[in-house]
Amino acid sequence: MQPLPIVWKRLVTEGETCPRCGSTQQNLAAAMTKLQAALGPLGIAPALETQTLDEAAFRAHPAESNRIWIGGKPMEEWLGARAGSSPCCEVCGDLPCRTMEVDGVSFEAIPEALIVKAGIIAASTLLGQGAGATESGCCAAGGRCC
C-alpha cells in the first residue's frame, strides 16, 4: 500500500483544545474512515498523524493550529482554498484561530466533506505515479493516453 500522510496540528493547553479543533478532530475521524474505504481498494493507505502545539508554539504561530497537511501540502492547496482567522475562545486567549475559506464560505471547524475531497484529490496524484506512466502523463506502451 502506498501511504497518503495526513498531518493535523492543534493547540492543546492543560489537556484542553478549542471547540473548533475539537469539531475538526471529530470530522477528521469520520473522514479517515471514508478515505480508507475509498482509497484502500486503489492501494492507497491514508495515515493520520496528530501533532500538538503547546501554548508557546501557538503564540509564535497561531495559524499553525487546526492546520491539515495532506500528501505534504496544506489542505487548502488541494482545494483552491485560503486560510483566514477569527477570534475563538478562552483556550486560545487573545489570539485568533485558523479558519478556511472555500468558494467564499468561511469554516471555523474543517468539515468532513472538505477533508475527504482534499484527500481524494491528493490520492489522485499518487495514482498517476504508478507503473507505465511517464512524466508527461502518457502511457509508455503505445504512446496513447491512459
Protein backbone atom coordinates (compact mmCIF):
# COMPACT_ATOMS: atom_id res chain seq x y z
CA MET A 1 0.00 0.00 0.00
CA GLN A 2 1.19 3.47 -0.84
CA PRO A 3 0.85 5.82 2.14
CA LEU A 4 -1.05 9.10 1.99
CA PRO A 5 0.18 11.06 5.01
CA ILE A 6 -2.32 13.36 6.68
CA VAL A 7 -0.95 15.60 9.42
CA TRP A 8 -3.17 17.66 11.70
CA LYS A 9 -1.81 20.21 14.16
CA ARG A 10 -3.74 21.72 17.03
CA LEU A 11 -3.27 23.69 20.23
CA VAL A 12 -3.50 21.74 23.48
CA THR A 13 -3.32 23.72 26.73
CA GLU A 14 -3.64 21.88 30.05
CA GLY A 15 -5.25 18.96 28.23
CA GLU A 16 -7.83 21.23 26.55
CA THR A 17 -8.27 22.26 22.95
CA CYS A 18 -10.63 24.83 21.50
CA PRO A 19 -14.14 23.92 20.27
CA ARG A 20 -13.26 24.31 16.59
CA CYS A 21 -10.27 21.99 16.93
CA GLY A 22 -12.47 19.55 18.83
CA SER A 23 -15.01 19.59 15.98
CA THR A 24 -12.26 19.22 13.39
CA GLN A 25 -10.98 16.18 15.31
CA GLN A 26 -14.40 14.51 15.05
CA ASN A 27 -14.64 15.43 11.36
CA LEU A 28 -11.15 14.04 10.73
CA ALA A 29 -12.05 10.71 12.35
CA ALA A 30 -15.14 10.37 10.13
CA ALA A 31 -13.20 11.48 7.04
CA MET A 32 -10.42 8.94 7.71
CA THR A 33 -12.99 6.13 7.75
CA LYS A 34 -14.35 7.27 4.38
CA LEU A 35 -10.90 7.79 2.87
CA GLN A 36 -9.71 4.35 4.00
CA ALA A 37 -12.77 2.72 2.43
CA ALA A 38 -12.46 4.68 -0.82
CA LEU A 39 -8.69 4.55 -1.27
CA GLY A 40 -7.84 1.12 0.14
CA PRO A 41 -9.00 -0.74 -2.99
CA LEU A 42 -6.72 1.56 -5.02
CA GLY A 43 -3.70 0.56 -2.92
CA ILE A 44 -3.52 3.86 -1.05
CA ALA A 45 -3.46 3.93 2.76
CA PRO A 46 -4.35 7.27 4.38
CA ALA A 47 -2.41 7.64 7.63
CA LEU A 48 -3.28 10.33 10.18
CA GLU A 49 -0.64 11.86 12.42
CA THR A 50 -1.87 14.28 15.07
CA GLN A 51 0.60 16.84 16.36
CA THR A 52 0.05 19.08 19.36
CA LEU A 53 1.15 22.66 19.71
CA ASP A 54 1.89 23.95 23.18
CA GLU A 55 0.96 27.46 24.19
CA ALA A 56 4.38 28.90 23.31
CA ALA A 57 4.32 27.41 19.80
CA PHE A 58 0.73 28.60 19.30
CA ARG A 59 1.62 32.14 20.42
CA ALA A 60 4.54 32.19 17.96
CA HIS A 61 2.46 30.80 15.05
CA PRO A 62 -1.31 30.77 15.74
CA ALA A 63 -2.10 29.92 12.10
CA GLU A 64 -0.48 26.50 12.60
CA SER A 65 -3.26 25.36 14.92
CA ASN A 66 -6.10 23.42 13.27
CA ARG A 67 -4.00 23.07 10.13
CA ILE A 68 -4.17 19.93 7.99
CA TRP A 69 -1.47 18.78 5.58
CA ILE A 70 -2.31 16.04 3.06
CA GLY A 71 0.38 14.40 0.97
CA GLY A 72 2.90 17.01 2.07
CA LYS A 73 0.79 20.04 1.06
CA PRO A 74 -1.51 22.27 3.08
CA MET A 75 -5.09 21.11 2.59
CA GLU A 76 -6.12 24.48 1.17
CA GLU A 77 -3.76 23.98 -1.79
CA TRP A 78 -5.68 20.85 -2.86
CA LEU A 79 -8.98 22.72 -2.65
CA GLY A 80 -8.04 26.12 -4.06
CA ALA A 81 -8.97 27.49 -0.64
CA ARG A 82 -7.33 30.08 1.54
CA ALA A 83 -6.55 30.28 5.23
CA GLY A 84 -8.00 33.01 7.40
CA SER A 85 -8.50 33.65 11.09
CA SER A 86 -11.10 34.74 13.61
CA PRO A 87 -11.41 35.10 17.39
CA CYS A 88 -12.06 31.78 19.08
CA CYS A 89 -12.30 31.08 22.81
CA GLU A 90 -10.58 31.25 26.17
CA VAL A 91 -8.31 28.28 25.37
CA CYS A 92 -6.81 30.31 22.54
CA GLY A 93 -6.75 33.51 24.57
CA ASP A 94 -6.43 36.77 22.70
CA LEU A 95 -5.02 35.21 19.51
CA PRO A 96 -7.20 34.43 16.51
CA CYS A 97 -7.62 30.84 15.36
CA ARG A 98 -7.25 29.48 11.87
CA THR A 99 -10.25 29.33 9.54
CA MET A 100 -10.54 28.04 5.98
CA GLU A 101 -12.37 29.80 3.18
CA VAL A 102 -13.64 27.75 0.24
CA ASP A 103 -15.67 29.33 -2.56
CA GLY A 104 -16.42 32.38 -0.43
CA VAL A 105 -17.60 30.36 2.59
CA SER A 106 -15.56 30.51 5.79
CA PHE A 107 -15.29 27.46 8.06
CA GLU A 108 -14.03 27.55 11.64
CA ALA A 109 -14.05 23.76 12.06
CA ILE A 110 -12.89 21.91 8.97
CA PRO A 111 -15.80 19.91 7.54
CA GLU A 112 -15.55 16.19 6.92
CA ALA A 113 -16.57 16.60 3.26
CA LEU A 114 -13.69 19.01 2.57
CA ILE A 115 -11.17 16.68 4.22
CA VAL A 116 -12.43 13.78 2.10
CA LYS A 117 -12.38 15.88 -1.08
CA ALA A 118 -8.81 17.07 -0.47
CA GLY A 119 -7.72 13.51 0.36
CA ILE A 120 -9.17 12.15 -2.87
CA ILE A 121 -7.57 14.92 -4.93
CA ALA A 122 -4.21 14.26 -3.25
CA ALA A 123 -4.58 10.50 -3.76
CA SER A 124 -5.27 11.01 -7.45
CA THR A 125 -1.76 12.39 -7.85
CA LEU A 126 -0.39 9.19 -6.32
CA LEU A 127 -2.30 7.12 -8.86
CA GLY A 128 -0.59 8.97 -11.70
CA GLN A 129 2.78 7.88 -10.31
CA GLY A 130 2.09 4.18 -10.96
CA ALA A 131 3.93 1.83 -13.32
CA GLY A 132 3.73 2.64 -17.01
CA ALA A 133 3.16 6.39 -16.63
CA THR A 134 5.73 8.87 -17.83
CA GLU A 135 6.34 12.40 -16.67
CA SER A 136 4.02 13.71 -19.37
CA GLY A 137 1.23 11.52 -18.02
CA CYS A 138 1.01 9.33 -21.13
CA CYS A 139 1.44 5.58 -21.10
CA ALA A 140 4.83 4.35 -22.17
CA ALA A 141 3.26 1.44 -24.06
CA GLY A 142 1.94 2.60 -27.41
CA GLY A 143 2.07 6.32 -26.64
CA ARG A 144 -1.69 6.53 -26.07
CA CYS A 145 -3.12 8.46 -23.15
CA CYS A 146 -4.11 6.43 -20.13
